[in-house]
Amino acid sequence: MKKILVIHGPNLNLLGQREQAVYGKVTLKAINAKLEKLANQNHAALEIFQSNHEGEIVDAIGQAKKNQTQGILINPAAYT
């Protein structure tokens, strides 16, 4: 089974809560549920991680190889 690390960057934990006219009403929880459904349909396992701290995101990326992750999907949000 493929293992994919999903990383959500800063403030994405606030999706659906702040400035809905700008960012929409969909929550991070709903996005993660859709990702999990797609992963299950494609026989993949997800590890989902969100952080507002750059160092934690860098550490998660570095740890991915040790965890035998085959891919990383990242929305770096404010770090783009």
N, C-alpha and C. Protein backbone atom coordinates (compact mmCIF):
# COMPACT_ATOMS: atom_id res chain seq x y z
N MET A 1 0.84 -1.17 0.00
CA MET A 1 0.00 0.00 0.00
C MET A 1 0.88 1.24 0.00
N LYS A 2 0.55 2.20 -0.85
CA LYS A 2 1.28 3.45 -0.91
C LYS A 2 1.02 4.26 0.36
N LYS A 3 2.06 4.94 0.83
CA LYS A 3 1.91 5.81 2.00
C LYS A 3 2.22 7.23 1.56
N ILE A 4 1.29 8.13 1.83
CA ILE A 4 1.42 9.52 1.41
C ILE A 4 1.29 10.43 2.62
N LEU A 5 2.21 11.36 2.74
CA LEU A 5 2.16 12.37 3.78
C LEU A 5 1.46 13.61 3.22
N VAL A 6 0.41 14.05 3.89
CA VAL A 6 -0.30 15.27 3.51
C VAL A 6 0.03 16.33 4.55
N ILE A 7 0.58 17.45 4.08
CA ILE A 7 0.96 18.53 4.98
C ILE A 7 0.12 19.76 4.65
N HIS A 8 -0.51 20.30 5.69
CA HIS A 8 -1.25 21.55 5.58
C HIS A 8 -0.46 22.61 6.34
N GLY A 9 -0.21 23.73 5.69
CA GLY A 9 0.58 24.79 6.29
C GLY A 9 -0.20 25.73 7.19
N PRO A 10 0.43 26.87 7.51
CA PRO A 10 -0.10 27.81 8.49
C PRO A 10 -1.52 28.29 8.19
N ASN A 11 -2.29 28.35 9.23
CA ASN A 11 -3.65 28.89 9.25
C ASN A 11 -4.68 28.05 8.51
N LEU A 12 -4.28 26.95 7.90
CA LEU A 12 -5.27 26.12 7.21
C LEU A 12 -6.21 25.46 8.21
N ASN A 13 -5.80 25.39 9.45
CA ASN A 13 -6.69 24.89 10.50
C ASN A 13 -7.88 25.83 10.73
N LEU A 14 -7.82 27.03 10.19
CA LEU A 14 -8.90 28.02 10.34
C LEU A 14 -9.86 28.03 9.14
N LEU A 15 -9.63 27.16 8.17
CA LEU A 15 -10.53 27.12 7.01
C LEU A 15 -11.97 26.91 7.47
N GLY A 16 -12.87 27.62 6.84
CA GLY A 16 -14.28 27.52 7.18
C GLY A 16 -14.69 28.36 8.37
N GLN A 17 -13.71 28.94 9.04
CA GLN A 17 -13.99 29.73 10.24
C GLN A 17 -13.76 31.23 10.03
N ARG A 18 -12.74 31.57 9.27
CA ARG A 18 -12.42 32.99 9.13
C ARG A 18 -12.57 33.44 7.69
N GLU A 19 -13.00 34.65 7.51
CA GLU A 19 -13.14 35.29 6.20
C GLU A 19 -13.72 34.33 5.16
N GLN A 20 -14.89 33.84 5.42
CA GLN A 20 -15.52 32.87 4.53
C GLN A 20 -15.73 33.43 3.13
N ALA A 21 -15.90 34.72 3.00
CA ALA A 21 -16.05 35.33 1.67
C ALA A 21 -14.76 35.21 0.85
N VAL A 22 -13.65 35.10 1.53
CA VAL A 22 -12.35 34.98 0.86
C VAL A 22 -11.93 33.51 0.74
N TYR A 23 -12.01 32.78 1.85
CA TYR A 23 -11.46 31.42 1.92
C TYR A 23 -12.51 30.32 1.80
N GLY A 24 -13.77 30.67 1.80
CA GLY A 24 -14.83 29.68 1.66
C GLY A 24 -15.27 29.10 2.99
N LYS A 25 -16.23 28.19 2.91
CA LYS A 25 -16.83 27.60 4.10
C LYS A 25 -16.35 26.18 4.38
N VAL A 26 -15.57 25.62 3.49
CA VAL A 26 -15.10 24.25 3.66
C VAL A 26 -14.03 24.20 4.74
N THR A 27 -14.18 23.29 5.68
CA THR A 27 -13.23 23.16 6.78
C THR A 27 -12.09 22.22 6.42
N LEU A 28 -11.03 22.31 7.17
CA LEU A 28 -9.90 21.40 6.97
C LEU A 28 -10.33 19.96 7.25
N LYS A 29 -11.19 19.78 8.22
CA LYS A 29 -11.71 18.44 8.53
C LYS A 29 -12.42 17.85 7.32
N ALA A 30 -13.22 18.66 6.61
CA ALA A 30 -13.93 18.18 5.42
C ALA A 30 -12.95 17.86 4.29
N ILE A 31 -11.94 18.69 4.13
CA ILE A 31 -10.92 18.42 3.10
C ILE A 31 -10.20 17.11 3.40
N ASN A 32 -9.82 16.93 4.66
CA ASN A 32 -9.14 15.69 5.04
C ASN A 32 -10.02 14.47 4.82
N ALA A 33 -11.32 14.59 5.08
CA ALA A 33 -12.24 13.46 4.85
C ALA A 33 -12.28 13.10 3.37
N LYS A 34 -12.31 14.10 2.50
CA LYS A 34 -12.30 13.83 1.05
C LYS A 34 -10.99 13.19 0.63
N LEU A 35 -9.89 13.67 1.18
CA LEU A 35 -8.59 13.07 0.86
C LEU A 35 -8.52 11.62 1.31
N GLU A 36 -9.03 11.34 2.50
CA GLU A 36 -9.05 9.96 3.01
C GLU A 36 -9.89 9.06 2.11
N LYS A 37 -11.02 9.55 1.66
CA LYS A 37 -11.89 8.77 0.78
C LYS A 37 -11.16 8.45 -0.54
N LEU A 38 -10.52 9.46 -1.12
CA LEU A 38 -9.76 9.23 -2.36
C LEU A 38 -8.61 8.25 -2.13
N ALA A 39 -7.95 8.39 -1.02
CA ALA A 39 -6.84 7.48 -0.71
C ALA A 39 -7.33 6.05 -0.60
N ASN A 40 -8.44 5.85 0.11
CA ASN A 40 -8.99 4.50 0.25
C ASN A 40 -9.38 3.91 -1.09
N GLN A 41 -9.96 4.73 -1.96
CA GLN A 41 -10.35 4.24 -3.29
C GLN A 41 -9.13 3.85 -4.13
N ASN A 42 -7.99 4.44 -3.81
CA ASN A 42 -6.77 4.17 -4.58
C ASN A 42 -5.74 3.35 -3.80
N HIS A 43 -6.21 2.67 -2.76
CA HIS A 43 -5.38 1.77 -1.97
C HIS A 43 -4.11 2.45 -1.45
N ALA A 44 -4.32 3.63 -0.87
CA ALA A 44 -3.21 4.39 -0.29
C ALA A 44 -3.55 4.72 1.16
N ALA A 45 -2.51 4.89 1.95
CA ALA A 45 -2.66 5.30 3.34
C ALA A 45 -2.14 6.72 3.48
N LEU A 46 -2.88 7.54 4.21
CA LEU A 46 -2.47 8.92 4.41
C LEU A 46 -2.02 9.14 5.84
N GLU A 47 -1.00 9.96 5.97
CA GLU A 47 -0.64 10.56 7.25
C GLU A 47 -0.89 12.04 7.05
N ILE A 48 -1.80 12.61 7.81
CA ILE A 48 -2.18 14.01 7.62
C ILE A 48 -1.64 14.84 8.77
N PHE A 49 -1.01 15.96 8.41
CA PHE A 49 -0.32 16.80 9.38
C PHE A 49 -0.58 18.26 9.05
N GLN A 50 -0.90 19.06 10.06
CA GLN A 50 -1.04 20.50 9.89
C GLN A 50 -0.22 21.19 10.95
N SER A 51 0.48 22.25 10.55
CA SER A 51 1.24 23.02 11.53
C SER A 51 1.30 24.48 11.11
N ASN A 52 1.36 25.33 12.11
CA ASN A 52 1.57 26.75 11.89
C ASN A 52 3.05 27.12 12.07
N HIS A 53 3.90 26.11 12.25
CA HIS A 53 5.30 26.34 12.56
C HIS A 53 6.19 25.73 11.47
N GLU A 54 6.98 26.56 10.84
CA GLU A 54 7.82 26.12 9.72
C GLU A 54 8.73 24.96 10.10
N GLY A 55 9.34 25.04 11.27
CA GLY A 55 10.27 23.98 11.68
C GLY A 55 9.60 22.63 11.80
N GLU A 56 8.35 22.59 12.27
CA GLU A 56 7.62 21.32 12.38
C GLU A 56 7.34 20.75 11.00
N ILE A 57 7.04 21.61 10.05
CA ILE A 57 6.78 21.15 8.69
C ILE A 57 8.07 20.58 8.07
N VAL A 58 9.17 21.28 8.27
CA VAL A 58 10.46 20.80 7.77
C VAL A 58 10.81 19.46 8.41
N ASP A 59 10.58 19.33 9.71
CA ASP A 59 10.84 18.05 10.39
C ASP A 59 9.98 16.93 9.83
N ALA A 60 8.70 17.22 9.55
CA ALA A 60 7.80 16.19 9.00
C ALA A 60 8.29 15.73 7.63
N ILE A 61 8.76 16.67 6.82
CA ILE A 61 9.29 16.31 5.50
C ILE A 61 10.53 15.44 5.66
N GLY A 62 11.40 15.82 6.56
CA GLY A 62 12.62 15.04 6.79
C GLY A 62 12.33 13.65 7.33
N GLN A 63 11.31 13.51 8.13
CA GLN A 63 10.94 12.22 8.72
C GLN A 63 10.25 11.30 7.71
N ALA A 64 9.70 11.87 6.65
CA ALA A 64 8.91 11.09 5.69
C ALA A 64 9.69 9.90 5.12
N LYS A 65 10.94 10.11 4.78
CA LYS A 65 11.73 9.01 4.21
C LYS A 65 11.93 7.90 5.23
N LYS A 66 12.17 8.28 6.48
CA LYS A 66 12.36 7.28 7.53
C LYS A 66 11.08 6.48 7.76
N ASN A 67 9.94 7.12 7.51
CA ASN A 67 8.64 6.46 7.68
C ASN A 67 8.20 5.71 6.42
N GLN A 68 9.11 5.60 5.46
CA GLN A 68 8.86 4.89 4.20
C GLN A 68 7.66 5.48 3.44
N THR A 69 7.61 6.79 3.42
CA THR A 69 6.56 7.51 2.68
C THR A 69 6.95 7.56 1.21
N GLN A 70 5.99 7.26 0.34
CA GLN A 70 6.26 7.28 -1.10
C GLN A 70 6.01 8.64 -1.73
N GLY A 71 5.26 9.49 -1.07
CA GLY A 71 4.97 10.80 -1.65
C GLY A 71 4.52 11.79 -0.60
N ILE A 72 4.63 13.06 -0.95
CA ILE A 72 4.18 14.14 -0.09
C ILE A 72 3.28 15.06 -0.89
N LEU A 73 2.13 15.36 -0.33
CA LEU A 73 1.21 16.35 -0.88
C LEU A 73 1.21 17.51 0.11
N ILE A 74 1.57 18.70 -0.36
CA ILE A 74 1.67 19.82 0.57
C ILE A 74 0.96 21.05 0.01
N ASN A 75 0.19 21.69 0.89
CA ASN A 75 -0.32 23.02 0.64
C ASN A 75 0.40 23.90 1.64
N PRO A 76 1.46 24.58 1.21
CA PRO A 76 2.26 25.36 2.14
C PRO A 76 1.59 26.63 2.64
N ALA A 77 0.43 26.96 2.08
CA ALA A 77 -0.36 28.11 2.53
C ALA A 77 0.48 29.38 2.55
N ALA A 78 0.66 29.98 3.70
CA ALA A 78 1.35 31.26 3.81
C ALA A 78 2.83 31.18 3.43
N TYR A 79 3.37 29.97 3.31
CA TYR A 79 4.78 29.83 2.95
C TYR A 79 5.04 29.86 1.44
N THR A 80 3.99 30.04 0.63
CA THR A 80 4.21 30.05 -0.82
C THR A 80 4.77 31.36 -1.30
